[in-house]
Amino acid sequence: MSDDGFNMSLRKYLKRVGVTSQQAIEEATRSARDAGKAAPVEARMVLTIDGKEVNVVEGQITLGENE
């Protein structure tokens, strides 16, 4: 595969990851707020390639404007 083909494939995949991840995060945080949770929620994203965990990103997502 050419570098251009690889880059296009990677960008398409990352776009899909970004869109679906944002939708899932919005739904989960909306549910947390609806349940009365005010503190930040813990988030963890795991990247697995060919069954091998290659990267983990962890962080907090605030639910309110004052946090």
PDB file of N, CA and C in Angstrom:
ATOM      1  N   MET A   1       0.854  -1.178   0.000  1.00  0.00           N
ATOM      2  CA  MET A   1       0.000   0.000   0.000  1.00  0.00           C
ATOM      3  C   MET A   1       0.896   1.236   0.000  1.00  0.00           C
ATOM      4  N   SER A   2       0.534   2.213  -0.780  1.00  0.00           N
ATOM      5  CA  SER A   2       1.315   3.444  -0.845  1.00  0.00           C
ATOM      6  C   SER A   2       1.118   4.254   0.429  1.00  0.00           C
ATOM      7  N   ASP A   3       2.044   5.185   0.654  1.00  0.00           N
ATOM      8  CA  ASP A   3       1.902   6.068   1.814  1.00  0.00           C
ATOM      9  C   ASP A   3       0.611   6.860   1.740  1.00  0.00           C
ATOM     10  N   ASP A   4       0.235   7.312   0.535  1.00  0.00           N
ATOM     11  CA  ASP A   4      -1.008   8.064   0.381  1.00  0.00           C
ATOM     12  C   ASP A   4      -2.213   7.209   0.731  1.00  0.00           C
ATOM     13  N   GLY A   5      -2.201   5.963   0.281  1.00  0.00           N
ATOM     14  CA  GLY A   5      -3.300   5.053   0.601  1.00  0.00           C
ATOM     15  C   GLY A   5      -3.380   4.769   2.090  1.00  0.00           C
ATOM     16  N   PHE A   6      -2.234   4.563   2.711  1.00  0.00           N
ATOM     17  CA  PHE A   6      -2.186   4.324   4.155  1.00  0.00           C
ATOM     18  C   PHE A   6      -2.718   5.539   4.909  1.00  0.00           C
ATOM     19  N   ASN A   7      -2.233   6.728   4.547  1.00  0.00           N
ATOM     20  CA  ASN A   7      -2.655   7.945   5.238  1.00  0.00           C
ATOM     21  C   ASN A   7      -4.154   8.174   5.093  1.00  0.00           C
ATOM     22  N   MET A   8      -4.704   7.927   3.923  1.00  0.00           N
ATOM     23  CA  MET A   8      -6.142   8.101   3.705  1.00  0.00           C
ATOM     24  C   MET A   8      -6.926   7.104   4.559  1.00  0.00           C
ATOM     25  N   SER A   9      -6.473   5.859   4.573  1.00  0.00           N
ATOM     26  CA  SER A   9      -7.133   4.834   5.372  1.00  0.00           C
ATOM     27  C   SER A   9      -7.086   5.186   6.857  1.00  0.00           C
ATOM     28  N   LEU A  10      -5.931   5.642   7.314  1.00  0.00           N
ATOM     29  CA  LEU A  10      -5.764   6.021   8.724  1.00  0.00           C
ATOM     30  C   LEU A  10      -6.663   7.197   9.074  1.00  0.00           C
ATOM     31  N   ARG A  11      -6.710   8.209   8.226  1.00  0.00           N
ATOM     32  CA  ARG A  11      -7.563   9.377   8.495  1.00  0.00           C
ATOM     33  C   ARG A  11      -9.043   8.993   8.555  1.00  0.00           C
ATOM     34  N   LYS A  12      -9.475   8.116   7.654  1.00  0.00           N
ATOM     35  CA  LYS A  12     -10.870   7.658   7.674  1.00  0.00           C
ATOM     36  C   LYS A  12     -11.180   6.918   8.975  1.00  0.00           C
ATOM     37  N   TYR A  13     -10.259   6.074   9.397  1.00  0.00           N
ATOM     38  CA  TYR A  13     -10.455   5.325  10.636  1.00  0.00           C
ATOM     39  C   TYR A  13     -10.502   6.276  11.828  1.00  0.00           C
ATOM     40  N   LEU A  14      -9.568   7.217  11.900  1.00  0.00           N
ATOM     41  CA  LEU A  14      -9.530   8.158  13.021  1.00  0.00           C
ATOM     42  C   LEU A  14     -10.770   9.041  13.064  1.00  0.00           C
ATOM     43  N   LYS A  15     -11.296   9.409  11.903  1.00  0.00           N
ATOM     44  CA  LYS A  15     -12.533  10.183  11.862  1.00  0.00           C
ATOM     45  C   LYS A  15     -13.677   9.371  12.453  1.00  0.00           C
ATOM     46  N   ARG A  16     -13.759   8.110  12.068  1.00  0.00           N
ATOM     47  CA  ARG A  16     -14.803   7.229  12.601  1.00  0.00           C
ATOM     48  C   ARG A  16     -14.654   7.053  14.110  1.00  0.00           C
ATOM     49  N   VAL A  17     -13.422   6.859  14.565  1.00  0.00           N
ATOM     50  CA  VAL A  17     -13.155   6.730  16.003  1.00  0.00           C
ATOM     51  C   VAL A  17     -13.590   7.989  16.735  1.00  0.00           C
ATOM     52  N   GLY A  18     -13.219   9.154  16.195  1.00  0.00           N
ATOM     53  CA  GLY A  18     -13.555  10.414  16.848  1.00  0.00           C
ATOM     54  C   GLY A  18     -15.050  10.630  16.957  1.00  0.00           C
ATOM     55  N   VAL A  19     -15.757  10.398  15.870  1.00  0.00           N
ATOM     56  CA  VAL A  19     -17.203  10.622  15.853  1.00  0.00           C
ATOM     57  C   VAL A  19     -17.920   9.654  16.796  1.00  0.00           C
ATOM     58  N   THR A  20     -17.611   8.373  16.698  1.00  0.00           N
ATOM     59  CA  THR A  20     -18.308   7.390  17.537  1.00  0.00           C
ATOM     60  C   THR A  20     -17.925   7.554  19.010  1.00  0.00           C
ATOM     61  N   SER A  21     -16.667   7.916  19.274  1.00  0.00           N
ATOM     62  CA  SER A  21     -16.249   8.135  20.664  1.00  0.00           C
ATOM     63  C   SER A  21     -16.966   9.331  21.260  1.00  0.00           C
ATOM     64  N   GLN A  22     -17.049  10.419  20.508  1.00  0.00           N
ATOM     65  CA  GLN A  22     -17.740  11.602  21.020  1.00  0.00           C
ATOM     66  C   GLN A  22     -19.198  11.288  21.312  1.00  0.00           C
ATOM     67  N   GLN A  23     -19.849  10.553  20.438  1.00  0.00           N
ATOM     68  CA  GLN A  23     -21.255  10.192  20.673  1.00  0.00           C
ATOM     69  C   GLN A  23     -21.400   9.362  21.941  1.00  0.00           C
ATOM     70  N   ALA A  24     -20.508   8.399  22.142  1.00  0.00           N
ATOM     71  CA  ALA A  24     -20.566   7.548  23.329  1.00  0.00           C
ATOM     72  C   ALA A  24     -20.294   8.357  24.597  1.00  0.00           C
ATOM     73  N   ILE A  25     -19.329   9.269  24.530  1.00  0.00           N
ATOM     74  CA  ILE A  25     -19.013  10.108  25.690  1.00  0.00           C
ATOM     75  C   ILE A  25     -20.186  11.020  26.023  1.00  0.00           C
ATOM     76  N   GLU A  26     -20.778  11.627  25.012  1.00  0.00           N
ATOM     77  CA  GLU A  26     -21.929  12.505  25.252  1.00  0.00           C
ATOM     78  C   GLU A  26     -23.081  11.746  25.887  1.00  0.00           C
ATOM     79  N   GLU A  27     -23.348  10.548  25.402  1.00  0.00           N
ATOM     80  CA  GLU A  27     -24.436   9.740  25.960  1.00  0.00           C
ATOM     81  C   GLU A  27     -24.145   9.347  27.410  1.00  0.00           C
ATOM     82  N   ALA A  28     -22.920   8.910  27.678  1.00  0.00           N
ATOM     83  CA  ALA A  28     -22.557   8.487  29.029  1.00  0.00           C
ATOM     84  C   ALA A  28     -22.569   9.653  30.005  1.00  0.00           C
ATOM     85  N   THR A  29     -22.055  10.810  29.587  1.00  0.00           N
ATOM     86  CA  THR A  29     -22.044  11.954  30.503  1.00  0.00           C
ATOM     87  C   THR A  29     -23.449  12.518  30.699  1.00  0.00           C
ATOM     88  N   ARG A  30     -24.275  12.461  29.674  1.00  0.00           N
ATOM     89  CA  ARG A  30     -25.670  12.891  29.814  1.00  0.00           C
ATOM     90  C   ARG A  30     -26.383  12.002  30.827  1.00  0.00           C
ATOM     91  N   SER A  31     -26.150  10.699  30.751  1.00  0.00           N
ATOM     92  CA  SER A  31     -26.755   9.766  31.711  1.00  0.00           C
ATOM     93  C   SER A  31     -26.260  10.037  33.127  1.00  0.00           C
ATOM     94  N   ALA A  32     -24.971  10.327  33.260  1.00  0.00           N
ATOM     95  CA  ALA A  32     -24.414  10.622  34.583  1.00  0.00           C
ATOM     96  C   ALA A  32     -25.037  11.890  35.152  1.00  0.00           C
ATOM     97  N   ARG A  33     -25.167  12.922  34.338  1.00  0.00           N
ATOM     98  CA  ARG A  33     -25.797  14.174  34.811  1.00  0.00           C
ATOM     99  C   ARG A  33     -27.248  13.933  35.175  1.00  0.00           C
ATOM    100  N   ASP A  34     -27.968  13.173  34.344  1.00  0.00           N
ATOM    101  CA  ASP A  34     -29.378  12.880  34.620  1.00  0.00           C
ATOM    102  C   ASP A  34     -29.549  12.099  35.919  1.00  0.00           C
ATOM    103  N   ALA A  35     -28.526  11.320  36.274  1.00  0.00           N
ATOM    104  CA  ALA A  35     -28.570  10.548  37.516  1.00  0.00           C
ATOM    105  C   ALA A  35     -28.139  11.382  38.715  1.00  0.00           C
ATOM    106  N   GLY A  36     -27.814  12.647  38.479  1.00  0.00           N
ATOM    107  CA  GLY A  36     -27.460  13.537  39.574  1.00  0.00           C
ATOM    108  C   GLY A  36     -25.977  13.629  39.876  1.00  0.00           C
ATOM    109  N   LYS A  37     -25.152  12.998  39.085  1.00  0.00           N
ATOM    110  CA  LYS A  37     -23.706  13.055  39.319  1.00  0.00           C
ATOM    111  C   LYS A  37     -23.196  14.431  38.916  1.00  0.00           C
ATOM    112  N   ALA A  38     -22.389  15.044  39.791  1.00  0.00           N
ATOM    113  CA  ALA A  38     -21.861  16.374  39.512  1.00  0.00           C
ATOM    114  C   ALA A  38     -20.342  16.363  39.357  1.00  0.00           C
ATOM    115  N   ALA A  39     -19.693  15.346  39.874  1.00  0.00           N
ATOM    116  CA  ALA A  39     -18.237  15.272  39.829  1.00  0.00           C
ATOM    117  C   ALA A  39     -17.776  14.833  38.442  1.00  0.00           C
ATOM    118  N   PRO A  40     -16.517  15.052  38.126  1.00  0.00           N
ATOM    119  CA  PRO A  40     -16.005  14.555  36.848  1.00  0.00           C
ATOM    120  C   PRO A  40     -16.127  13.027  36.758  1.00  0.00           C
ATOM    121  N   VAL A  41     -16.252  12.531  35.556  1.00  0.00           N
ATOM    122  CA  VAL A  41     -16.275  11.090  35.331  1.00  0.00           C
ATOM    123  C   VAL A  41     -14.904  10.666  34.812  1.00  0.00           C
ATOM    124  N   GLU A  42     -14.521   9.448  35.132  1.00  0.00           N
ATOM    125  CA  GLU A  42     -13.249   8.892  34.676  1.00  0.00           C
ATOM    126  C   GLU A  42     -13.459   8.256  33.303  1.00  0.00           C
ATOM    127  N   ALA A  43     -12.565   8.550  32.387  1.00  0.00           N
ATOM    128  CA  ALA A  43     -12.646   7.991  31.037  1.00  0.00           C
ATOM    129  C   ALA A  43     -11.361   7.228  30.733  1.00  0.00           C
ATOM    130  N   ARG A  44     -11.503   6.167  29.945  1.00  0.00           N
ATOM    131  CA  ARG A  44     -10.344   5.356  29.555  1.00  0.00           C
ATOM    132  C   ARG A  44     -10.560   4.862  28.139  1.00  0.00           C
ATOM    133  N   MET A  45      -9.604   5.145  27.267  1.00  0.00           N
ATOM    134  CA  MET A  45      -9.663   4.707  25.876  1.00  0.00           C
ATOM    135  C   MET A  45      -8.503   3.746  25.650  1.00  0.00           C
ATOM    136  N   VAL A  46      -8.808   2.571  25.116  1.00  0.00           N
ATOM    137  CA  VAL A  46      -7.783   1.556  24.876  1.00  0.00           C
ATOM    138  C   VAL A  46      -7.683   1.315  23.376  1.00  0.00           C
ATOM    139  N   LEU A  47      -6.474   1.425  22.844  1.00  0.00           N
ATOM    140  CA  LEU A  47      -6.230   1.118  21.440  1.00  0.00           C
ATOM    141  C   LEU A  47      -5.617  -0.270  21.351  1.00  0.00           C
ATOM    142  N   THR A  48      -6.283  -1.131  20.608  1.00  0.00           N
ATOM    143  CA  THR A  48      -5.818  -2.501  20.406  1.00  0.00           C
ATOM    144  C   THR A  48      -5.626  -2.718  18.914  1.00  0.00           C
ATOM    145  N   ILE A  49      -4.473  -3.240  18.540  1.00  0.00           N
ATOM    146  CA  ILE A  49      -4.199  -3.548  17.137  1.00  0.00           C
ATOM    147  C   ILE A  49      -3.801  -5.014  17.047  1.00  0.00           C
ATOM    148  N   ASP A  50      -4.519  -5.752  16.215  1.00  0.00           N
ATOM    149  CA  ASP A  50      -4.294  -7.192  16.061  1.00  0.00           C
ATOM    150  C   ASP A  50      -4.262  -7.908  17.405  1.00  0.00           C
ATOM    151  N   GLY A  51      -5.188  -7.525  18.287  1.00  0.00           N
ATOM    152  CA  GLY A  51      -5.321  -8.192  19.576  1.00  0.00           C
ATOM    153  C   GLY A  51      -4.314  -7.762  20.635  1.00  0.00           C
ATOM    154  N   LYS A  52      -3.434  -6.837  20.296  1.00  0.00           N
ATOM    155  CA  LYS A  52      -2.420  -6.386  21.252  1.00  0.00           C
ATOM    156  C   LYS A  52      -2.725  -4.954  21.684  1.00  0.00           C
ATOM    157  N   GLU A  53      -2.788  -4.736  23.001  1.00  0.00           N
ATOM    158  CA  GLU A  53      -3.022  -3.405  23.539  1.00  0.00           C
ATOM    159  C   GLU A  53      -1.765  -2.567  23.310  1.00  0.00           C
ATOM    160  N   VAL A  54      -1.908  -1.479  22.547  1.00  0.00           N
ATOM    161  CA  VAL A  54      -0.735  -0.675  22.212  1.00  0.00           C
ATOM    162  C   VAL A  54      -0.742   0.702  22.850  1.00  0.00           C
ATOM    163  N   ASN A  55      -1.892   1.155  23.326  1.00  0.00           N
ATOM    164  CA  ASN A  55      -1.953   2.478  23.937  1.00  0.00           C
ATOM    165  C   ASN A  55      -3.199   2.598  24.801  1.00  0.00           C
ATOM    166  N   VAL A  56      -3.043   3.299  25.925  1.00  0.00           N
ATOM    167  CA  VAL A  56      -4.164   3.579  26.813  1.00  0.00           C
ATOM    168  C   VAL A  56      -4.119   5.064  27.143  1.00  0.00           C
ATOM    169  N   VAL A  57      -5.271   5.727  27.010  1.00  0.00           N
ATOM    170  CA  VAL A  57      -5.382   7.140  27.364  1.00  0.00           C
ATOM    171  C   VAL A  57      -6.446   7.245  28.446  1.00  0.00           C
ATOM    172  N   GLU A  58      -6.071   7.806  29.592  1.00  0.00           N
ATOM    173  CA  GLU A  58      -7.005   7.969  30.701  1.00  0.00           C
ATOM    174  C   GLU A  58      -7.136   9.439  31.041  1.00  0.00           C
ATOM    175  N   GLY A  59      -8.298   9.815  31.537  1.00  0.00           N
ATOM    176  CA  GLY A  59      -8.506  11.200  31.943  1.00  0.00           C
ATOM    177  C   GLY A  59      -9.867  11.392  32.564  1.00  0.00           C
ATOM    178  N   GLN A  60     -10.149  12.636  32.890  1.00  0.00           N
ATOM    179  CA  GLN A  60     -11.430  12.993  33.479  1.00  0.00           C
ATOM    180  C   GLN A  60     -12.193  13.901  32.529  1.00  0.00           C
ATOM    181  N   ILE A  61     -13.507  13.768  32.577  1.00  0.00           N
ATOM    182  CA  ILE A  61     -14.389  14.639  31.801  1.00  0.00           C
ATOM    183  C   ILE A  61     -15.328  15.303  32.794  1.00  0.00           C
ATOM    184  N   THR A  62     -15.291  16.619  32.828  1.00  0.00           N
ATOM    185  CA  THR A  62     -16.160  17.339  33.761  1.00  0.00           C
ATOM    186  C   THR A  62     -17.578  17.366  33.239  1.00  0.00           C
ATOM    187  N   LEU A  63     -18.513  17.396  34.166  1.00  0.00           N
ATOM    188  CA  LEU A  63     -19.926  17.383  33.799  1.00  0.00           C
ATOM    189  C   LEU A  63     -20.575  18.739  33.910  1.00  0.00           C
ATOM    190  N   GLY A  64     -19.936  19.652  34.604  1.00  0.00           N
ATOM    191  CA  GLY A  64     -20.517  20.969  34.793  1.00  0.00           C
ATOM    192  C   GLY A  64     -19.588  22.075  34.368  1.00  0.00           C
ATOM    193  N   GLU A  65     -20.125  23.266  34.286  1.00  0.00           N
ATOM    194  CA  GLU A  65     -19.342  24.413  33.844  1.00  0.00           C
ATOM    195  C   GLU A  65     -18.389  24.924  34.906  1.00  0.00           C
ATOM    196  N   ASN A  66     -18.641  24.649  36.175  1.00  0.00           N
ATOM    197  CA  ASN A  66     -17.845  25.217  37.261  1.00  0.00           C
ATOM    198  C   ASN A  66     -16.725  24.309  37.718  1.00  0.00           C
ATOM    199  N   GLU A  67     -16.472  23.234  37.043  1.00  0.00           N
ATOM    200  CA  GLU A  67     -15.440  22.299  37.485  1.00  0.00           C
ATOM    201  C   GLU A  67     -14.155  22.507  36.731  1.00  0.00           C
TER     202      GLU A  67
END
